Amino acid sequence: MKSGTAVLTVLILMSLALLTCVFVQESHLSGLKLEQQRLLGQKPDEPEPATATDEPGQGSKAEPSPELLQLRSEVNRLNRRKRELSLMPVENAHLKQRLAANRANSAAFPNGYIRKNQARMAGYRTPEATLQTFLWAMQNRNLTNFLETLTPEAAAQITRPTSFRSAEEVFDGTEALIGLGVVDRQPLADGSIQLKLQFAPDIPPASVVFRLIGNDWKMSWPPRE
């Protein structure tokens, strides 16, 4: 694989997985902050006590417990991770520039390639229909139908109570995805179906597993190489 293609593949997978990563980090961080407040004897809506130097005439405050110090360290680590994730829009901008250069070469897209801006609400009765609904929901920033395309495990990463975000925030950064095309379809032993998806010309396909839940096909996300 050429180095440029490898970098482009990594960037597009990072872009598509961003919403899952952000929600997991936010959920973990919120839980740690609540635990820190508990150890400090606070109510959840109270501000954290000031840690400035002692006021004149007061004795020294008790040293924080090792457990509290460990929690603070983990909160700091997650805050650093959030700052790193905030740089993703810059990477997405670079990715969109590179993907735009590929749009002129439409012949390189596989047969049946679905452009996001041409996708329609197709339901969930086949993996291919779910895939098109996924693109439609992303194009229209429709969070309800977007979640309906996902397996319960994938959707749960987005809908945790401590990780709530608006639809605009969920779909931020997804503009880089032009569309998706199925280049291979493989039934699996457990009854699920694996589709190999093409994102854009010169980007190696990635695989997504679809599971039948009730009468609807749901997709795992993010894809894997």
C-alpha atoms as a PDB file:
ATOM      1  CA  MET A   1       0.000   0.000   0.000  1.00  0.00           C
ATOM      2  CA  LYS A   2       1.377   3.427  -0.912  1.00  0.00           C
ATOM      3  CA  SER A   3       2.121   5.671   2.036  1.00  0.00           C
ATOM      4  CA  GLY A   4      -0.334   8.359   0.847  1.00  0.00           C
ATOM      5  CA  THR A   5      -3.136   5.828   0.510  1.00  0.00           C
ATOM      6  CA  ALA A   6      -2.375   4.416   3.935  1.00  0.00           C
ATOM      7  CA  VAL A   7      -2.586   7.854   5.533  1.00  0.00           C
ATOM      8  CA  LEU A   8      -5.860   8.608   3.740  1.00  0.00           C
ATOM      9  CA  THR A   9      -7.364   5.323   4.888  1.00  0.00           C
ATOM     10  CA  VAL A  10      -6.455   6.007   8.502  1.00  0.00           C
ATOM     11  CA  LEU A  11      -7.880   9.523   8.353  1.00  0.00           C
ATOM     12  CA  ILE A  12     -11.236   8.482   6.943  1.00  0.00           C
ATOM     13  CA  LEU A  13     -11.654   5.690   9.481  1.00  0.00           C
ATOM     14  CA  MET A  14     -10.728   8.133  12.249  1.00  0.00           C
ATOM     15  CA  SER A  15     -13.309  10.585  10.946  1.00  0.00           C
ATOM     16  CA  LEU A  16     -16.059   7.971  10.852  1.00  0.00           C
ATOM     17  CA  ALA A  17     -15.178   6.644  14.320  1.00  0.00           C
ATOM     18  CA  LEU A  18     -14.911  10.079  15.916  1.00  0.00           C
ATOM     19  CA  LEU A  19     -18.447  10.261  17.262  1.00  0.00           C
ATOM     20  CA  THR A  20     -18.059   6.905  19.060  1.00  0.00           C
ATOM     21  CA  CYS A  21     -14.689   7.872  20.513  1.00  0.00           C
ATOM     22  CA  VAL A  22     -15.894  11.252  21.750  1.00  0.00           C
ATOM     23  CA  PHE A  23     -18.938   9.805  23.495  1.00  0.00           C
ATOM     24  CA  VAL A  24     -16.927   7.078  25.232  1.00  0.00           C
ATOM     25  CA  GLN A  25     -14.387   9.635  26.466  1.00  0.00           C
ATOM     26  CA  GLU A  26     -17.101  12.034  27.649  1.00  0.00           C
ATOM     27  CA  SER A  27     -18.954   9.265  29.478  1.00  0.00           C
ATOM     28  CA  HIS A  28     -15.813   8.147  31.284  1.00  0.00           C
ATOM     29  CA  LEU A  29     -14.867  11.714  32.160  1.00  0.00           C
ATOM     30  CA  SER A  30     -18.343  12.512  33.528  1.00  0.00           C
ATOM     31  CA  GLY A  31     -18.273   9.427  35.728  1.00  0.00           C
ATOM     32  CA  LEU A  32     -14.856  10.315  37.109  1.00  0.00           C
ATOM     33  CA  LYS A  33     -15.934  13.858  37.898  1.00  0.00           C
ATOM     34  CA  LEU A  34     -18.966  12.591  39.792  1.00  0.00           C
ATOM     35  CA  GLU A  35     -16.748  10.230  41.760  1.00  0.00           C
ATOM     36  CA  GLN A  36     -14.339  13.068  42.512  1.00  0.00           C
ATOM     37  CA  GLN A  37     -17.221  15.184  43.817  1.00  0.00           C
ATOM     38  CA  ARG A  38     -18.357  12.296  46.004  1.00  0.00           C
ATOM     39  CA  LEU A  39     -14.930  11.936  47.552  1.00  0.00           C
ATOM     40  CA  LEU A  40     -14.846  15.659  48.231  1.00  0.00           C
ATOM     41  CA  GLY A  41     -18.234  15.458  49.947  1.00  0.00           C
ATOM     42  CA  GLN A  42     -19.947  17.610  47.313  1.00  0.00           C
ATOM     43  CA  LYS A  43     -23.359  17.418  45.763  1.00  0.00           C
ATOM     44  CA  PRO A  44     -23.202  16.897  41.948  1.00  0.00           C
ATOM     45  CA  ASP A  45     -24.278  20.458  41.198  1.00  0.00           C
ATOM     46  CA  GLU A  46     -21.916  22.141  43.648  1.00  0.00           C
ATOM     47  CA  PRO A  47     -18.644  23.685  42.398  1.00  0.00           C
ATOM     48  CA  GLU A  48     -15.395  21.998  43.317  1.00  0.00           C
ATOM     49  CA  PRO A  49     -13.831  23.510  46.442  1.00  0.00           C
ATOM     50  CA  ALA A  50     -11.018  25.935  45.814  1.00  0.00           C
ATOM     51  CA  THR A  51      -7.521  24.505  46.175  1.00  0.00           C
ATOM     52  CA  ALA A  52      -5.746  27.802  46.787  1.00  0.00           C
ATOM     53  CA  THR A  53      -3.489  28.400  49.798  1.00  0.00           C
ATOM     54  CA  ASP A  54      -5.062  28.347  53.251  1.00  0.00           C
ATOM     55  CA  GLU A  55      -6.636  31.524  54.532  1.00  0.00           C
ATOM     56  CA  PRO A  56      -4.858  33.285  57.392  1.00  0.00           C
ATOM     57  CA  GLY A  57      -5.730  31.928  60.781  1.00  0.00           C
ATOM     58  CA  GLN A  58      -6.820  28.500  59.516  1.00  0.00           C
ATOM     59  CA  GLY A  59      -5.012  25.256  59.967  1.00  0.00           C
ATOM     60  CA  SER A  60      -3.653  23.262  57.068  1.00  0.00           C
ATOM     61  CA  LYS A  61      -6.213  21.261  55.112  1.00  0.00           C
ATOM     62  CA  ALA A  62      -6.010  17.492  55.147  1.00  0.00           C
ATOM     63  CA  GLU A  63      -3.999  15.942  52.344  1.00  0.00           C
ATOM     64  CA  PRO A  64      -6.196  14.437  49.578  1.00  0.00           C
ATOM     65  CA  SER A  65      -6.553  10.688  49.659  1.00  0.00           C
ATOM     66  CA  PRO A  66      -4.606   8.486  47.198  1.00  0.00           C
ATOM     67  CA  GLU A  67      -7.916   7.539  45.590  1.00  0.00           C
ATOM     68  CA  LEU A  68      -8.774  11.191  44.962  1.00  0.00           C
ATOM     69  CA  LEU A  69      -5.309  11.883  43.562  1.00  0.00           C
ATOM     70  CA  GLN A  70      -5.692   8.941  41.201  1.00  0.00           C
ATOM     71  CA  LEU A  71      -9.087  10.216  40.027  1.00  0.00           C
ATOM     72  CA  ARG A  72      -7.683  13.688  39.421  1.00  0.00           C
ATOM     73  CA  SER A  73      -4.889  12.185  37.372  1.00  0.00           C
ATOM     74  CA  GLU A  74      -7.411  10.255  35.259  1.00  0.00           C
ATOM     75  CA  VAL A  75      -9.558  13.375  34.760  1.00  0.00           C
ATOM     76  CA  ASN A  76      -6.478  15.275  33.573  1.00  0.00           C
ATOM     77  CA  ARG A  77      -5.639  12.456  31.167  1.00  0.00           C
ATOM     78  CA  LEU A  78      -9.129  12.475  29.691  1.00  0.00           C
ATOM     79  CA  ASN A  79      -9.084  16.241  29.350  1.00  0.00           C
ATOM     80  CA  ARG A  80      -5.867  15.949  27.371  1.00  0.00           C
ATOM     81  CA  ARG A  81      -7.549  13.319  25.181  1.00  0.00           C
ATOM     82  CA  LYS A  82     -10.480  15.681  24.565  1.00  0.00           C
ATOM     83  CA  ARG A  83      -8.061  18.357  23.411  1.00  0.00           C
ATOM     84  CA  GLU A  84      -6.473  15.857  21.016  1.00  0.00           C
ATOM     85  CA  LEU A  85      -9.892  14.959  19.615  1.00  0.00           C
ATOM     86  CA  SER A  86     -10.630  18.638  19.101  1.00  0.00           C
ATOM     87  CA  LEU A  87      -7.888  18.631  16.451  1.00  0.00           C
ATOM     88  CA  MET A  88      -9.857  16.165  14.331  1.00  0.00           C
ATOM     89  CA  PRO A  89     -11.679  18.904  12.343  1.00  0.00           C
ATOM     90  CA  VAL A  90      -8.284  20.057  11.046  1.00  0.00           C
ATOM     91  CA  GLU A  91      -7.507  16.528   9.878  1.00  0.00           C
ATOM     92  CA  ASN A  92     -10.979  16.315   8.334  1.00  0.00           C
ATOM     93  CA  ALA A  93     -10.369  19.498   6.365  1.00  0.00           C
ATOM     94  CA  HIS A  94      -7.202  18.015   4.895  1.00  0.00           C
ATOM     95  CA  LEU A  95      -9.035  14.786   4.156  1.00  0.00           C
ATOM     96  CA  LYS A  96     -11.868  16.598   2.370  1.00  0.00           C
ATOM     97  CA  GLN A  97      -9.360  18.354   0.133  1.00  0.00           C
ATOM     98  CA  ARG A  98      -7.839  15.042  -0.885  1.00  0.00           C
ATOM     99  CA  LEU A  99     -11.203  13.367  -1.389  1.00  0.00           C
ATOM    100  CA  ALA A 100     -12.439  16.266  -3.509  1.00  0.00           C
ATOM    101  CA  ALA A 101      -9.617  15.581  -5.953  1.00  0.00           C
ATOM    102  CA  ASN A 102     -10.996  12.064  -6.451  1.00  0.00           C
ATOM    103  CA  ARG A 103     -14.536  13.164  -7.299  1.00  0.00           C
ATOM    104  CA  ALA A 104     -13.638  14.040 -10.866  1.00  0.00           C
ATOM    105  CA  ASN A 105     -12.714  10.413 -11.515  1.00  0.00           C
ATOM    106  CA  SER A 106     -16.224   8.996 -11.099  1.00  0.00           C
ATOM    107  CA  ALA A 107     -15.375   5.945 -13.213  1.00  0.00           C
ATOM    108  CA  ALA A 108     -13.172   4.723 -10.380  1.00  0.00           C
ATOM    109  CA  PHE A 109     -16.165   4.276  -8.080  1.00  0.00           C
ATOM    110  CA  PRO A 110     -17.588   0.734  -7.962  1.00  0.00           C
ATOM    111  CA  ASN A 111     -20.923  -0.104  -9.559  1.00  0.00           C
ATOM    112  CA  GLY A 112     -23.730   0.674  -7.133  1.00  0.00           C
ATOM    113  CA  TYR A 113     -21.719   3.272  -5.258  1.00  0.00           C
ATOM    114  CA  ILE A 114     -24.156   5.422  -3.250  1.00  0.00           C
ATOM    115  CA  ARG A 115     -23.223   9.065  -2.865  1.00  0.00           C
ATOM    116  CA  LYS A 116     -24.296  10.478   0.470  1.00  0.00           C
ATOM    117  CA  ASN A 117     -26.036  13.457  -1.104  1.00  0.00           C
ATOM    118  CA  GLN A 118     -28.105  11.105  -3.299  1.00  0.00           C
ATOM    119  CA  ALA A 119     -29.004   8.528  -0.636  1.00  0.00           C
ATOM    120  CA  ARG A 120     -32.632   7.945   0.318  1.00  0.00           C
ATOM    121  CA  MET A 121     -34.455   6.598   3.336  1.00  0.00           C
ATOM    122  CA  ALA A 122     -34.593   2.917   2.339  1.00  0.00           C
ATOM    123  CA  GLY A 123     -35.514   1.183   5.610  1.00  0.00           C
ATOM    124  CA  TYR A 124     -33.632  -1.688   7.198  1.00  0.00           C
ATOM    125  CA  ARG A 125     -34.919  -4.871   5.505  1.00  0.00           C
ATOM    126  CA  THR A 126     -31.586  -5.696   3.832  1.00  0.00           C
ATOM    127  CA  PRO A 127     -27.995  -4.788   4.715  1.00  0.00           C
ATOM    128  CA  GLU A 128     -27.822  -2.678   1.550  1.00  0.00           C
ATOM    129  CA  ALA A 129     -31.026  -0.830   2.494  1.00  0.00           C
ATOM    130  CA  THR A 130     -29.663  -0.158   5.978  1.00  0.00           C
ATOM    131  CA  LEU A 131     -26.443   1.150   4.456  1.00  0.00           C
ATOM    132  CA  GLN A 132     -28.354   3.603   2.254  1.00  0.00           C
ATOM    133  CA  THR A 133     -30.497   4.721   5.208  1.00  0.00           C
ATOM    134  CA  PHE A 134     -27.271   5.241   7.166  1.00  0.00           C
ATOM    135  CA  LEU A 135     -25.971   7.593   4.466  1.00  0.00           C
ATOM    136  CA  TRP A 136     -29.339   9.362   4.216  1.00  0.00           C
ATOM    137  CA  ALA A 137     -29.445   9.925   7.983  1.00  0.00           C
ATOM    138  CA  MET A 138     -25.884  11.241   7.963  1.00  0.00           C
ATOM    139  CA  GLN A 139     -26.613  13.601   5.055  1.00  0.00           C
ATOM    140  CA  ASN A 140     -29.772  14.905   6.744  1.00  0.00           C
ATOM    141  CA  ARG A 141     -28.278  14.851  10.259  1.00  0.00           C
ATOM    142  CA  ASN A 142     -31.185  12.710  11.395  1.00  0.00           C
ATOM    143  CA  LEU A 143     -30.000  11.225  14.679  1.00  0.00           C
ATOM    144  CA  THR A 144     -33.050   9.003  15.220  1.00  0.00           C
ATOM    145  CA  ASN A 145     -32.693   7.094  11.964  1.00  0.00           C
ATOM    146  CA  PHE A 146     -28.915   7.113  12.236  1.00  0.00           C
ATOM    147  CA  LEU A 147     -29.158   5.225  15.547  1.00  0.00           C
ATOM    148  CA  GLU A 148     -31.738   2.855  14.035  1.00  0.00           C
ATOM    149  CA  THR A 149     -29.156   1.657  11.514  1.00  0.00           C
ATOM    150  CA  LEU A 150     -26.722   0.576  14.252  1.00  0.00           C
ATOM    151  CA  THR A 151     -26.497  -2.524  16.415  1.00  0.00           C
ATOM    152  CA  PRO A 152     -27.550  -1.970  20.053  1.00  0.00           C
ATOM    153  CA  GLU A 153     -23.908  -2.084  21.131  1.00  0.00           C
ATOM    154  CA  ALA A 154     -22.864   0.615  18.657  1.00  0.00           C
ATOM    155  CA  ALA A 155     -25.880   2.804  19.422  1.00  0.00           C
ATOM    156  CA  ALA A 156     -25.316   2.484  23.185  1.00  0.00           C
ATOM    157  CA  GLN A 157     -21.970   4.239  22.875  1.00  0.00           C
ATOM    158  CA  ILE A 158     -23.819   7.308  21.597  1.00  0.00           C
ATOM    159  CA  THR A 159     -26.935   7.268  23.779  1.00  0.00           C
ATOM    160  CA  ARG A 160     -25.399   6.949  27.246  1.00  0.00           C
ATOM    161  CA  PRO A 161     -27.109   9.484  29.545  1.00  0.00           C
ATOM    162  CA  THR A 162     -23.798  11.053  30.531  1.00  0.00           C
ATOM    163  CA  SER A 163     -22.767  11.406  26.883  1.00  0.00           C
ATOM    164  CA  PHE A 164     -25.734  13.280  25.406  1.00  0.00           C
ATOM    165  CA  ARG A 165     -24.914  15.516  22.456  1.00  0.00           C
ATOM    166  CA  SER A 166     -26.998  17.353  19.875  1.00  0.00           C
ATOM    167  CA  ALA A 167     -27.383  15.957  16.375  1.00  0.00           C
ATOM    168  CA  GLU A 168     -25.147  18.725  15.036  1.00  0.00           C
ATOM    169  CA  GLU A 169     -22.334  17.666  17.360  1.00  0.00           C
ATOM    170  CA  VAL A 170     -22.816  13.968  16.524  1.00  0.00           C
ATOM    171  CA  PHE A 171     -22.427  14.573  12.785  1.00  0.00           C
ATOM    172  CA  ASP A 172     -19.678  17.163  13.036  1.00  0.00           C
ATOM    173  CA  GLY A 173     -16.769  16.042  10.859  1.00  0.00           C
ATOM    174  CA  THR A 174     -18.737  13.555   8.737  1.00  0.00           C
ATOM    175  CA  GLU A 175     -18.699  15.843   5.682  1.00  0.00           C
ATOM    176  CA  ALA A 176     -15.545  14.091   4.516  1.00  0.00           C
ATOM    177  CA  LEU A 177     -17.483  10.943   3.619  1.00  0.00           C
ATOM    178  CA  ILE A 178     -18.599  11.128  -0.038  1.00  0.00           C
ATOM    179  CA  GLY A 179     -20.528   7.877   0.018  1.00  0.00           C
ATOM    180  CA  LEU A 180     -20.166   4.107   0.229  1.00  0.00           C
ATOM    181  CA  GLY A 181     -20.153   1.238  -2.242  1.00  0.00           C
ATOM    182  CA  VAL A 182     -20.401  -2.511  -1.673  1.00  0.00           C
ATOM    183  CA  VAL A 183     -17.548  -4.402  -3.336  1.00  0.00           C
ATOM    184  CA  ASP A 184     -18.039  -7.760  -1.614  1.00  0.00           C
ATOM    185  CA  ARG A 185     -20.813  -9.544   0.319  1.00  0.00           C
ATOM    186  CA  GLN A 186     -19.959 -12.493   2.566  1.00  0.00           C
ATOM    187  CA  PRO A 187     -22.436 -14.521   4.700  1.00  0.00           C
ATOM    188  CA  LEU A 188     -20.971 -15.499   8.089  1.00  0.00           C
ATOM    189  CA  ALA A 189     -21.487 -18.687  10.082  1.00  0.00           C
ATOM    190  CA  ASP A 190     -23.603 -16.986  12.779  1.00  0.00           C
ATOM    191  CA  GLY A 191     -26.118 -15.718  10.213  1.00  0.00           C
ATOM    192  CA  SER A 192     -24.738 -12.200  10.010  1.00  0.00           C
ATOM    193  CA  ILE A 193     -23.469 -10.681   6.751  1.00  0.00           C
ATOM    194  CA  GLN A 194     -20.190  -8.910   6.177  1.00  0.00           C
ATOM    195  CA  LEU A 195     -20.069  -6.196   3.534  1.00  0.00           C
ATOM    196  CA  LYS A 196     -16.787  -4.882   2.247  1.00  0.00           C
ATOM    197  CA  LEU A 197     -17.270  -1.174   1.624  1.00  0.00           C
ATOM    198  CA  GLN A 198     -15.450   1.198  -0.703  1.00  0.00           C
ATOM    199  CA  PHE A 199     -15.209   4.755   0.628  1.00  0.00           C
ATOM    200  CA  ALA A 200     -13.542   6.446  -2.329  1.00  0.00           C
ATOM    201  CA  PRO A 201     -11.152   5.639  -5.186  1.00  0.00           C
ATOM    202  CA  ASP A 202      -7.647   4.571  -4.135  1.00  0.00           C
ATOM    203  CA  ILE A 203      -8.789   3.883  -0.566  1.00  0.00           C
ATOM    204  CA  PRO A 204      -8.723   0.177   0.348  1.00  0.00           C
ATOM    205  CA  PRO A 205     -12.156  -1.239   1.300  1.00  0.00           C
ATOM    206  CA  ALA A 206     -13.129  -1.812   4.933  1.00  0.00           C
ATOM    207  CA  SER A 207     -15.532  -4.393   6.364  1.00  0.00           C
ATOM    208  CA  VAL A 208     -18.764  -3.883   8.291  1.00  0.00           C
ATOM    209  CA  VAL A 209     -20.815  -6.691   9.839  1.00  0.00           C
ATOM    210  CA  PHE A 210     -24.624  -6.541   9.662  1.00  0.00           C
ATOM    211  CA  ARG A 211     -26.789  -8.514  12.102  1.00  0.00           C
ATOM    212  CA  LEU A 212     -30.485  -9.364  11.729  1.00  0.00           C
ATOM    213  CA  ILE A 213     -32.321  -8.074  14.803  1.00  0.00           C
ATOM    214  CA  GLY A 214     -36.035  -8.834  14.581  1.00  0.00           C
ATOM    215  CA  ASN A 215     -36.869  -8.027  10.964  1.00  0.00           C
ATOM    216  CA  ASP A 216     -34.221  -5.341  10.533  1.00  0.00           C
ATOM    217  CA  TRP A 217     -30.544  -5.440   9.608  1.00  0.00           C
ATOM    218  CA  LYS A 218     -28.304  -3.418  11.893  1.00  0.00           C
ATOM    219  CA  MET A 219     -24.700  -2.475  11.240  1.00  0.00           C
ATOM    220  CA  SER A 220     -21.690  -2.522  13.519  1.00  0.00           C
ATOM    221  CA  TRP A 221     -19.642   0.676  13.485  1.00  0.00           C
ATOM    222  CA  PRO A 222     -16.935   1.817  12.962  1.00  0.00           C
ATOM    223  CA  PRO A 223     -15.721  -0.407  10.101  1.00  0.00           C
ATOM    224  CA  ARG A 224     -12.538  -2.407  10.230  1.00  0.00           C
ATOM    225  CA  GLU A 225      -9.912  -3.146   7.627  1.00  0.00           C
END
